[in-house]
């Protein structure tokens, strides 16, 4: 007989696997984020997910109760778009005006 008990077997094979981390998007300097106010949950709740997750300090700020993007600082990383919890995503990535 082996020295492994049934309990040890279940412990080895039954442990939960960690989900794979989401890949970090590559910034696209030719794009800039834009928040669509009519879809943004900040209008009716205290949602600030996009501002909290933005990796660039100051790129997203509150303006008149809505998150607004500073196009000069936005690097087009798409993180705000990925984390937006609105049923119709409120963050769009548009071509940068030069």
PDB file of N, CA and C in Angstrom:
ATOM      1  N   UNK A   1       0.835  -1.181   0.000  1.00  0.00           N
ATOM      2  CA  UNK A   1       0.000   0.000   0.000  1.00  0.00           C
ATOM      3  C   UNK A   1       0.880   1.244   0.000  1.00  0.00           C
ATOM      4  N   UNK A   2       0.286   2.326  -0.458  1.00  0.00           N
ATOM      5  CA  UNK A   2       1.044   3.578  -0.482  1.00  0.00           C
ATOM      6  C   UNK A   2       0.815   4.345   0.814  1.00  0.00           C
ATOM      7  N   UNK A   3       1.624   5.343   1.019  1.00  0.00           N
ATOM      8  CA  UNK A   3       1.524   6.158   2.224  1.00  0.00           C
ATOM      9  C   UNK A   3       0.585   7.355   2.038  1.00  0.00           C
ATOM     10  N   UNK A   4      -0.083   7.440   0.897  1.00  0.00           N
ATOM     11  CA  UNK A   4      -0.969   8.561   0.617  1.00  0.00           C
ATOM     12  C   UNK A   4      -2.403   8.156   0.972  1.00  0.00           C
ATOM     13  N   UNK A   5      -3.028   8.935   1.799  1.00  0.00           N
ATOM     14  CA  UNK A   5      -4.406   8.636   2.196  1.00  0.00           C
ATOM     15  C   UNK A   5      -5.379   9.203   1.148  1.00  0.00           C
ATOM     16  N   UNK A   6      -6.624   8.788   1.233  1.00  0.00           N
ATOM     17  CA  UNK A   6      -7.645   9.321   0.333  1.00  0.00           C
ATOM     18  C   UNK A   6      -7.791  10.829   0.529  1.00  0.00           C
ATOM     19  N   UNK A   7      -7.714  11.249   1.761  1.00  0.00           N
ATOM     20  CA  UNK A   7      -7.828  12.673   2.069  1.00  0.00           C
ATOM     21  C   UNK A   7      -6.715  13.463   1.383  1.00  0.00           C
ATOM     22  N   UNK A   8      -5.493  12.915   1.428  1.00  0.00           N
ATOM     23  CA  UNK A   8      -4.370  13.588   0.758  1.00  0.00           C
ATOM     24  C   UNK A   8      -4.572  13.629  -0.758  1.00  0.00           C
ATOM     25  N   UNK A   9      -5.110  12.558  -1.321  1.00  0.00           N
ATOM     26  CA  UNK A   9      -5.375  12.540  -2.759  1.00  0.00           C
ATOM     27  C   UNK A   9      -6.369  13.624  -3.144  1.00  0.00           C
ATOM     28  N   UNK A  10      -7.462  13.710  -2.391  1.00  0.00           N
ATOM     29  CA  UNK A  10      -8.449  14.742  -2.690  1.00  0.00           C
ATOM     30  C   UNK A  10      -7.864  16.140  -2.496  1.00  0.00           C
ATOM     31  N   UNK A  11      -6.999  16.281  -1.532  1.00  0.00           N
ATOM     32  CA  UNK A  11      -6.372  17.572  -1.298  1.00  0.00           C
ATOM     33  C   UNK A  11      -5.465  17.949  -2.469  1.00  0.00           C
ATOM     34  N   UNK A  12      -4.751  16.952  -3.021  1.00  0.00           N
ATOM     35  CA  UNK A  12      -3.843  17.229  -4.139  1.00  0.00           C
ATOM     36  C   UNK A  12      -4.601  17.545  -5.418  1.00  0.00           C
ATOM     37  N   UNK A  13      -5.639  16.775  -5.719  1.00  0.00           N
ATOM     38  CA  UNK A  13      -6.343  16.932  -6.989  1.00  0.00           C
ATOM     39  C   UNK A  13      -7.560  17.837  -6.904  1.00  0.00           C
ATOM     40  N   UNK A  14      -8.034  18.112  -5.733  1.00  0.00           N
ATOM     41  CA  UNK A  14      -9.249  18.896  -5.583  1.00  0.00           C
ATOM     42  C   UNK A  14      -9.014  20.357  -5.302  1.00  0.00           C
ATOM     43  N   UNK A  15      -7.769  20.789  -5.248  1.00  0.00           N
ATOM     44  CA  UNK A  15      -7.549  22.217  -4.948  1.00  0.00           C
ATOM     45  C   UNK A  15      -7.917  23.064  -6.156  1.00  0.00           C
ATOM     46  N   UNK A  16      -8.370  24.241  -5.855  1.00  0.00           N
ATOM     47  CA  UNK A  16      -8.837  25.142  -6.902  1.00  0.00           C
ATOM     48  C   UNK A  16      -7.651  25.746  -7.646  1.00  0.00           C
ATOM     49  N   UNK A  17      -7.837  25.844  -8.915  1.00  0.00           N
ATOM     50  CA  UNK A  17      -6.814  26.460  -9.746  1.00  0.00           C
ATOM     51  C   UNK A  17      -7.049  27.960  -9.792  1.00  0.00           C
ATOM     52  N   UNK A  18      -5.987  28.716  -9.800  1.00  0.00           N
ATOM     53  CA  UNK A  18      -6.096  30.162  -9.909  1.00  0.00           C
ATOM     54  C   UNK A  18      -6.398  30.511 -11.364  1.00  0.00           C
ATOM     55  N   UNK A  19      -7.302  31.471 -11.581  1.00  0.00           N
ATOM     56  CA  UNK A  19      -7.564  31.856 -12.971  1.00  0.00           C
ATOM     57  C   UNK A  19      -6.332  32.525 -13.570  1.00  0.00           C
ATOM     58  N   UNK A  20      -6.157  32.326 -14.848  1.00  0.00           N
ATOM     59  CA  UNK A  20      -5.015  32.931 -15.534  1.00  0.00           C
ATOM     60  C   UNK A  20      -5.184  34.449 -15.526  1.00  0.00           C
ATOM     61  N   UNK A  21      -4.119  35.181 -15.292  1.00  0.00           N
ATOM     62  CA  UNK A  21      -4.238  36.642 -15.293  1.00  0.00           C
ATOM     63  C   UNK A  21      -4.577  37.149 -16.693  1.00  0.00           C
ATOM     64  N   UNK A  22      -5.382  38.213 -16.735  1.00  0.00           N
ATOM     65  CA  UNK A  22      -5.725  38.802 -18.024  1.00  0.00           C
ATOM     66  C   UNK A  22      -4.485  39.443 -18.616  1.00  0.00           C
ATOM     67  N   UNK A  23      -4.299  39.296 -19.908  1.00  0.00           N
ATOM     68  CA  UNK A  23      -3.128  39.927 -20.516  1.00  0.00           C
ATOM     69  C   UNK A  23      -3.251  41.445 -20.453  1.00  0.00           C
ATOM     70  N   UNK A  24      -2.159  42.084 -20.177  1.00  0.00           N
ATOM     71  CA  UNK A  24      -2.138  43.550 -20.125  1.00  0.00           C
ATOM     72  C   UNK A  24      -2.108  44.055 -21.564  1.00  0.00           C
ATOM     73  N   UNK A  25      -3.083  44.888 -21.940  1.00  0.00           N
ATOM     74  CA  UNK A  25      -3.114  45.348 -23.328  1.00  0.00           C
ATOM     75  C   UNK A  25      -1.925  46.244 -23.640  1.00  0.00           C
ATOM     76  N   UNK A  26      -1.515  46.161 -24.857  1.00  0.00           N
ATOM     77  CA  UNK A  26      -0.414  47.005 -25.332  1.00  0.00           C
ATOM     78  C   UNK A  26      -0.978  48.389 -25.644  1.00  0.00           C
ATOM     79  N   UNK A  27      -0.397  49.452 -25.104  1.00  0.00           N
ATOM     80  CA  UNK A  27      -0.902  50.793 -25.399  1.00  0.00           C
ATOM     81  C   UNK A  27      -0.844  51.096 -26.889  1.00  0.00           C
ATOM     82  N   UNK A  28      -1.870  51.783 -27.381  1.00  0.00           N
ATOM     83  CA  UNK A  28      -1.933  52.196 -28.779  1.00  0.00           C
ATOM     84  C   UNK A  28      -1.925  53.719 -28.809  1.00  0.00           C
ATOM     85  N   UNK A  29      -0.784  54.321 -29.106  1.00  0.00           N
ATOM     86  CA  UNK A  29      -0.696  55.788 -29.067  1.00  0.00           C
ATOM     87  C   UNK A  29      -1.550  56.475 -30.136  1.00  0.00           C
ATOM     88  N   UNK A  30      -2.090  55.704 -31.087  1.00  0.00           N
ATOM     89  CA  UNK A  30      -2.926  56.288 -32.128  1.00  0.00           C
ATOM     90  C   UNK A  30      -4.401  56.332 -31.738  1.00  0.00           C
ATOM     91  N   UNK A  31      -4.719  55.878 -30.524  1.00  0.00           N
ATOM     92  CA  UNK A  31      -6.103  55.861 -30.049  1.00  0.00           C
ATOM     93  C   UNK A  31      -6.205  56.607 -28.721  1.00  0.00           C
ATOM     94  N   UNK A  32      -7.410  57.104 -28.450  1.00  0.00           N
ATOM     95  CA  UNK A  32      -7.682  57.800 -27.202  1.00  0.00           C
ATOM     96  C   UNK A  32      -9.057  57.352 -26.702  1.00  0.00           C
ATOM     97  N   UNK A  33      -9.193  57.226 -25.395  1.00  0.00           N
ATOM     98  CA  UNK A  33     -10.459  56.799 -24.804  1.00  0.00           C
ATOM     99  C   UNK A  33     -11.420  57.972 -24.728  1.00  0.00           C
ATOM    100  N   UNK A  34     -12.704  57.646 -24.809  1.00  0.00           N
ATOM    101  CA  UNK A  34     -13.765  58.632 -24.670  1.00  0.00           C
ATOM    102  C   UNK A  34     -14.893  57.976 -23.886  1.00  0.00           C
ATOM    103  N   UNK A  35     -15.391  58.652 -22.852  1.00  0.00           N
ATOM    104  CA  UNK A  35     -16.475  58.118 -22.032  1.00  0.00           C
ATOM    105  C   UNK A  35     -17.797  58.620 -22.584  1.00  0.00           C
ATOM    106  N   UNK A  36     -18.677  57.673 -22.897  1.00  0.00           N
ATOM    107  CA  UNK A  36     -20.015  58.002 -23.390  1.00  0.00           C
ATOM    108  C   UNK A  36     -20.915  58.223 -22.184  1.00  0.00           C
ATOM    109  N   UNK A  37     -21.297  59.451 -21.936  1.00  0.00           N
ATOM    110  CA  UNK A  37     -22.050  59.803 -20.738  1.00  0.00           C
ATOM    111  C   UNK A  37     -23.380  59.096 -20.604  1.00  0.00           C
ATOM    112  N   UNK A  38     -24.072  58.832 -21.702  1.00  0.00           N
ATOM    113  CA  UNK A  38     -25.391  58.215 -21.596  1.00  0.00           C
ATOM    114  C   UNK A  38     -25.336  56.759 -21.160  1.00  0.00           C
ATOM    115  N   UNK A  39     -24.190  56.100 -21.305  1.00  0.00           N
ATOM    116  CA  UNK A  39     -24.053  54.707 -20.882  1.00  0.00           C
ATOM    117  C   UNK A  39     -23.328  54.558 -19.550  1.00  0.00           C
ATOM    118  N   UNK A  40     -22.727  55.628 -19.070  1.00  0.00           N
ATOM    119  CA  UNK A  40     -21.888  55.563 -17.863  1.00  0.00           C
ATOM    120  C   UNK A  40     -22.736  55.362 -16.610  1.00  0.00           C
ATOM    121  N   UNK A  41     -22.324  54.419 -15.775  1.00  0.00           N
ATOM    122  CA  UNK A  41     -23.037  54.137 -14.534  1.00  0.00           C
ATOM    123  C   UNK A  41     -22.831  55.216 -13.477  1.00  0.00           C
ATOM    124  N   UNK A  42     -21.851  56.080 -13.668  1.00  0.00           N
ATOM    125  CA  UNK A  42     -21.611  57.147 -12.696  1.00  0.00           C
ATOM    126  C   UNK A  42     -22.770  58.132 -12.644  1.00  0.00           C
ATOM    127  N   UNK A  43     -23.612  58.149 -13.662  1.00  0.00           N
ATOM    128  CA  UNK A  43     -24.784  59.020 -13.654  1.00  0.00           C
ATOM    129  C   UNK A  43     -25.773  58.627 -12.566  1.00  0.00           C
ATOM    130  N   UNK A  44     -25.894  57.324 -12.323  1.00  0.00           N
ATOM    131  CA  UNK A  44     -26.906  56.836 -11.377  1.00  0.00           C
ATOM    132  C   UNK A  44     -26.323  56.180 -10.137  1.00  0.00           C
ATOM    133  N   UNK A  45     -25.017  55.955 -10.107  1.00  0.00           N
ATOM    134  CA  UNK A  45     -24.398  55.315  -8.942  1.00  0.00           C
ATOM    135  C   UNK A  45     -23.038  55.956  -8.690  1.00  0.00           C
ATOM    136  N   UNK A  46     -22.322  55.392  -7.770  1.00  0.00           N
ATOM    137  CA  UNK A  46     -20.996  55.945  -7.450  1.00  0.00           C
ATOM    138  C   UNK A  46     -19.896  55.113  -8.104  1.00  0.00           C
ATOM    139  N   UNK A  47     -20.074  54.759  -9.353  1.00  0.00           N
ATOM    140  CA  UNK A  47     -19.087  53.960 -10.081  1.00  0.00           C
ATOM    141  C   UNK A  47     -17.863  54.811 -10.410  1.00  0.00           C
ATOM    142  N   UNK A  48     -16.695  54.296 -10.120  1.00  0.00           N
ATOM    143  CA  UNK A  48     -15.444  54.977 -10.477  1.00  0.00           C
ATOM    144  C   UNK A  48     -14.382  53.957 -10.884  1.00  0.00           C
ATOM    145  N   UNK A  49     -14.817  52.842 -11.432  1.00  0.00           N
ATOM    146  CA  UNK A  49     -13.906  51.747 -11.770  1.00  0.00           C
ATOM    147  C   UNK A  49     -12.861  52.196 -12.785  1.00  0.00           C
ATOM    148  N   UNK A  50     -13.279  52.895 -13.820  1.00  0.00           N
ATOM    149  CA  UNK A  50     -12.321  53.294 -14.860  1.00  0.00           C
ATOM    150  C   UNK A  50     -11.249  54.240 -14.318  1.00  0.00           C
ATOM    151  N   UNK A  51     -11.660  55.161 -13.460  1.00  0.00           N
ATOM    152  CA  UNK A  51     -10.697  56.101 -12.882  1.00  0.00           C
ATOM    153  C   UNK A  51      -9.742  55.370 -11.943  1.00  0.00           C
ATOM    154  N   UNK A  52     -10.282  54.431 -11.158  1.00  0.00           N
ATOM    155  CA  UNK A  52      -9.446  53.686 -10.211  1.00  0.00           C
ATOM    156  C   UNK A  52      -8.431  52.787 -10.908  1.00  0.00           C
ATOM    157  N   UNK A  53      -8.782  52.240 -12.057  1.00  0.00           N
ATOM    158  CA  UNK A  53      -7.919  51.278 -12.744  1.00  0.00           C
ATOM    159  C   UNK A  53      -6.976  51.917 -13.763  1.00  0.00           C
ATOM    160  N   UNK A  54      -7.168  53.173 -14.078  1.00  0.00           N
ATOM    161  CA  UNK A  54      -6.312  53.832 -15.068  1.00  0.00           C
ATOM    162  C   UNK A  54      -4.876  53.891 -14.571  1.00  0.00           C
ATOM    163  N   UNK A  55      -3.916  53.375 -15.363  1.00  0.00           N
ATOM    164  CA  UNK A  55      -2.522  53.352 -14.911  1.00  0.00           C
ATOM    165  C   UNK A  55      -1.793  54.693 -15.043  1.00  0.00           C
ATOM    166  N   UNK A  56      -2.378  55.645 -15.760  1.00  0.00           N
ATOM    167  CA  UNK A  56      -1.724  56.939 -15.973  1.00  0.00           C
ATOM    168  C   UNK A  56      -2.350  57.966 -15.028  1.00  0.00           C
ATOM    169  N   UNK A  57      -1.584  58.474 -14.062  1.00  0.00           N
ATOM    170  CA  UNK A  57      -2.140  59.465 -13.135  1.00  0.00           C
ATOM    171  C   UNK A  57      -2.628  60.713 -13.874  1.00  0.00           C
ATOM    172  N   UNK A  58      -3.874  61.075 -13.605  1.00  0.00           N
ATOM    173  CA  UNK A  58      -4.447  62.275 -14.185  1.00  0.00           C
ATOM    174  C   UNK A  58      -5.073  62.096 -15.557  1.00  0.00           C
ATOM    175  N   UNK A  59      -4.951  60.921 -16.168  1.00  0.00           N
ATOM    176  CA  UNK A  59      -5.523  60.723 -17.500  1.00  0.00           C
ATOM    177  C   UNK A  59      -7.045  60.681 -17.442  1.00  0.00           C
ATOM    178  N   UNK A  60      -7.603  60.216 -16.329  1.00  0.00           N
ATOM    179  CA  UNK A  60      -9.059  60.212 -16.145  1.00  0.00           C
ATOM    180  C   UNK A  60      -9.371  60.967 -14.868  1.00  0.00           C
ATOM    181  N   UNK A  61     -10.299  61.914 -14.958  1.00  0.00           N
ATOM    182  CA  UNK A  61     -10.671  62.725 -13.811  1.00  0.00           C
ATOM    183  C   UNK A  61     -12.176  62.940 -13.817  1.00  0.00           C
ATOM    184  N   UNK A  62     -12.698  63.338 -12.667  1.00  0.00           N
ATOM    185  CA  UNK A  62     -14.117  63.669 -12.554  1.00  0.00           C
ATOM    186  C   UNK A  62     -14.351  65.054 -13.134  1.00  0.00           C
ATOM    187  N   UNK A  63     -15.426  65.183 -13.913  1.00  0.00           N
ATOM    188  CA  UNK A  63     -15.831  66.481 -14.428  1.00  0.00           C
ATOM    189  C   UNK A  63     -17.352  66.471 -14.537  1.00  0.00           C
ATOM    190  N   UNK A  64     -18.008  67.282 -13.736  1.00  0.00           N
ATOM    191  CA  UNK A  64     -19.474  67.381 -13.717  1.00  0.00           C
ATOM    192  C   UNK A  64     -20.128  66.034 -13.428  1.00  0.00           C
ATOM    193  N   UNK A  65     -19.526  65.252 -12.542  1.00  0.00           N
ATOM    194  CA  UNK A  65     -20.107  63.980 -12.124  1.00  0.00           C
ATOM    195  C   UNK A  65     -19.845  62.807 -13.038  1.00  0.00           C
ATOM    196  N   UNK A  66     -19.057  63.005 -14.078  1.00  0.00           N
ATOM    197  CA  UNK A  66     -18.714  61.924 -15.006  1.00  0.00           C
ATOM    198  C   UNK A  66     -17.202  61.805 -15.136  1.00  0.00           C
ATOM    199  N   UNK A  67     -16.705  60.599 -15.377  1.00  0.00           N
ATOM    200  CA  UNK A  67     -15.274  60.460 -15.654  1.00  0.00           C
ATOM    201  C   UNK A  67     -14.971  61.028 -17.039  1.00  0.00           C
ATOM    202  N   UNK A  68     -13.945  61.821 -17.105  1.00  0.00           N
ATOM    203  CA  UNK A  68     -13.534  62.413 -18.375  1.00  0.00           C
ATOM    204  C   UNK A  68     -12.077  62.063 -18.636  1.00  0.00           C
ATOM    205  N   UNK A  69     -11.730  61.911 -19.898  1.00  0.00           N
ATOM    206  CA  UNK A  69     -10.381  61.523 -20.309  1.00  0.00           C
ATOM    207  C   UNK A  69      -9.635  62.756 -20.790  1.00  0.00           C
ATOM    208  N   UNK A  70      -8.413  62.912 -20.309  1.00  0.00           N
ATOM    209  CA  UNK A  70      -7.535  63.964 -20.817  1.00  0.00           C
ATOM    210  C   UNK A  70      -6.798  63.373 -22.024  1.00  0.00           C
ATOM    211  N   UNK A  71      -7.121  63.795 -23.236  1.00  0.00           N
ATOM    212  CA  UNK A  71      -6.521  63.186 -24.420  1.00  0.00           C
ATOM    213  C   UNK A  71      -5.008  63.364 -24.513  1.00  0.00           C
ATOM    214  N   UNK A  72      -4.480  64.387 -23.837  1.00  0.00           N
ATOM    215  CA  UNK A  72      -3.034  64.600 -23.853  1.00  0.00           C
ATOM    216  C   UNK A  72      -2.295  63.528 -23.039  1.00  0.00           C
ATOM    217  N   UNK A  73      -2.958  62.993 -22.005  1.00  0.00           N
ATOM    218  CA  UNK A  73      -2.308  62.015 -21.139  1.00  0.00           C
ATOM    219  C   UNK A  73      -2.669  60.567 -21.473  1.00  0.00           C
ATOM    220  N   UNK A  74      -3.812  60.355 -22.117  1.00  0.00           N
ATOM    221  CA  UNK A  74      -4.276  58.990 -22.423  1.00  0.00           C
ATOM    222  C   UNK A  74      -3.290  58.324 -23.383  1.00  0.00           C
ATOM    223  N   UNK A  75      -2.876  57.088 -23.041  1.00  0.00           N
ATOM    224  CA  UNK A  75      -1.939  56.369 -23.903  1.00  0.00           C
ATOM    225  C   UNK A  75      -2.625  55.276 -24.724  1.00  0.00           C
ATOM    226  N   UNK A  76      -3.947  55.173 -24.657  1.00  0.00           N
ATOM    227  CA  UNK A  76      -4.680  54.204 -25.459  1.00  0.00           C
ATOM    228  C   UNK A  76      -4.508  52.768 -25.009  1.00  0.00           C
ATOM    229  N   UNK A  77      -4.323  52.542 -23.699  1.00  0.00           N
ATOM    230  CA  UNK A  77      -4.050  51.186 -23.204  1.00  0.00           C
ATOM    231  C   UNK A  77      -5.295  50.300 -23.132  1.00  0.00           C
ATOM    232  N   UNK A  78      -6.490  50.852 -23.209  1.00  0.00           N
ATOM    233  CA  UNK A  78      -7.765  50.122 -23.226  1.00  0.00           C
ATOM    234  C   UNK A  78      -8.147  49.495 -21.890  1.00  0.00           C
ATOM    235  N   UNK A  79      -7.429  49.756 -20.823  1.00  0.00           N
ATOM    236  CA  UNK A  79      -7.776  49.180 -19.527  1.00  0.00           C
ATOM    237  C   UNK A  79      -9.128  49.706 -19.061  1.00  0.00           C
ATOM    238  N   UNK A  80      -9.379  51.000 -19.231  1.00  0.00           N
ATOM    239  CA  UNK A  80     -10.662  51.571 -18.810  1.00  0.00           C
ATOM    240  C   UNK A  80     -11.816  50.915 -19.568  1.00  0.00           C
ATOM    241  N   UNK A  81     -11.612  50.597 -20.816  1.00  0.00           N
ATOM    242  CA  UNK A  81     -12.646  49.948 -21.613  1.00  0.00           C
ATOM    243  C   UNK A  81     -12.892  48.517 -21.130  1.00  0.00           C
ATOM    244  N   UNK A  82     -11.845  47.812 -20.754  1.00  0.00           N
ATOM    245  CA  UNK A  82     -11.982  46.429 -20.300  1.00  0.00           C
ATOM    246  C   UNK A  82     -12.672  46.322 -18.951  1.00  0.00           C
ATOM    247  N   UNK A  83     -12.476  47.289 -18.072  1.00  0.00           N
ATOM    248  CA  UNK A  83     -13.020  47.184 -16.716  1.00  0.00           C
ATOM    249  C   UNK A  83     -14.375  47.861 -16.560  1.00  0.00           C
ATOM    250  N   UNK A  84     -14.857  48.546 -17.565  1.00  0.00           N
ATOM    251  CA  UNK A  84     -16.144  49.253 -17.468  1.00  0.00           C
ATOM    252  C   UNK A  84     -17.263  48.246 -17.195  1.00  0.00           C
ATOM    253  N   UNK A  85     -17.997  48.408 -16.069  1.00  0.00           N
ATOM    254  CA  UNK A  85     -19.041  47.444 -15.722  1.00  0.00           C
ATOM    255  C   UNK A  85     -20.406  47.755 -16.325  1.00  0.00           C
ATOM    256  N   UNK A  86     -20.527  48.815 -17.088  1.00  0.00           N
ATOM    257  CA  UNK A  86     -21.824  49.189 -17.661  1.00  0.00           C
ATOM    258  C   UNK A  86     -22.297  48.117 -18.640  1.00  0.00           C
ATOM    259  N   UNK A  87     -23.603  47.830 -18.657  1.00  0.00           N
ATOM    260  CA  UNK A  87     -24.125  46.821 -19.594  1.00  0.00           C
ATOM    261  C   UNK A  87     -23.777  47.146 -21.052  1.00  0.00           C
ATOM    262  N   UNK A  88     -23.901  48.411 -21.425  1.00  0.00           N
ATOM    263  CA  UNK A  88     -23.398  48.876 -22.715  1.00  0.00           C
ATOM    264  C   UNK A  88     -22.135  49.656 -22.388  1.00  0.00           C
ATOM    265  N   UNK A  89     -21.001  49.127 -22.780  1.00  0.00           N
ATOM    266  CA  UNK A  89     -19.720  49.705 -22.385  1.00  0.00           C
ATOM    267  C   UNK A  89     -19.702  51.203 -22.657  1.00  0.00           C
ATOM    268  N   UNK A  90     -19.364  51.979 -21.640  1.00  0.00           N
ATOM    269  CA  UNK A  90     -19.383  53.435 -21.736  1.00  0.00           C
ATOM    270  C   UNK A  90     -18.083  54.019 -22.256  1.00  0.00           C
ATOM    271  N   UNK A  91     -17.065  53.190 -22.423  1.00  0.00           N
ATOM    272  CA  UNK A  91     -15.764  53.702 -22.864  1.00  0.00           C
ATOM    273  C   UNK A  91     -15.520  53.243 -24.304  1.00  0.00           C
ATOM    274  N   UNK A  92     -15.232  54.190 -25.143  1.00  0.00           N
ATOM    275  CA  UNK A  92     -14.918  53.918 -26.542  1.00  0.00           C
ATOM    276  C   UNK A  92     -13.469  54.330 -26.798  1.00  0.00           C
ATOM    277  N   UNK A  93     -12.819  53.634 -27.690  1.00  0.00           N
ATOM    278  CA  UNK A  93     -11.486  54.038 -28.136  1.00  0.00           C
ATOM    279  C   UNK A  93     -11.602  54.570 -29.551  1.00  0.00           C
ATOM    280  N   UNK A  94     -11.245  55.800 -29.715  1.00  0.00           N
ATOM    281  CA  UNK A  94     -11.358  56.468 -31.011  1.00  0.00           C
ATOM    282  C   UNK A  94      -9.979  56.812 -31.538  1.00  0.00           C
ATOM    283  N   UNK A  95      -9.884  56.975 -32.870  1.00  0.00           N
ATOM    284  CA  UNK A  95      -8.599  57.416 -33.425  1.00  0.00           C
ATOM    285  C   UNK A  95      -8.240  58.789 -32.870  1.00  0.00           C
ATOM    286  N   UNK A  96      -6.988  58.961 -32.559  1.00  0.00           N
ATOM    287  CA  UNK A  96      -6.512  60.234 -32.006  1.00  0.00           C
ATOM    288  C   UNK A  96      -6.464  61.288 -33.103  1.00  0.00           C
ATOM    289  N   UNK A  97      -7.004  62.463 -32.802  1.00  0.00           N
ATOM    290  CA  UNK A  97      -6.941  63.584 -33.733  1.00  0.00           C
ATOM    291  C   UNK A  97      -5.564  64.213 -33.634  1.00  0.00           C
ATOM    292  N   UNK A  98      -4.922  64.412 -34.714  1.00  0.00           N
ATOM    293  CA  UNK A  98      -3.571  64.988 -34.724  1.00  0.00           C
ATOM    294  C   UNK A  98      -3.615  66.419 -35.172  1.00  0.00           C
TER     295      UNK A  98
END
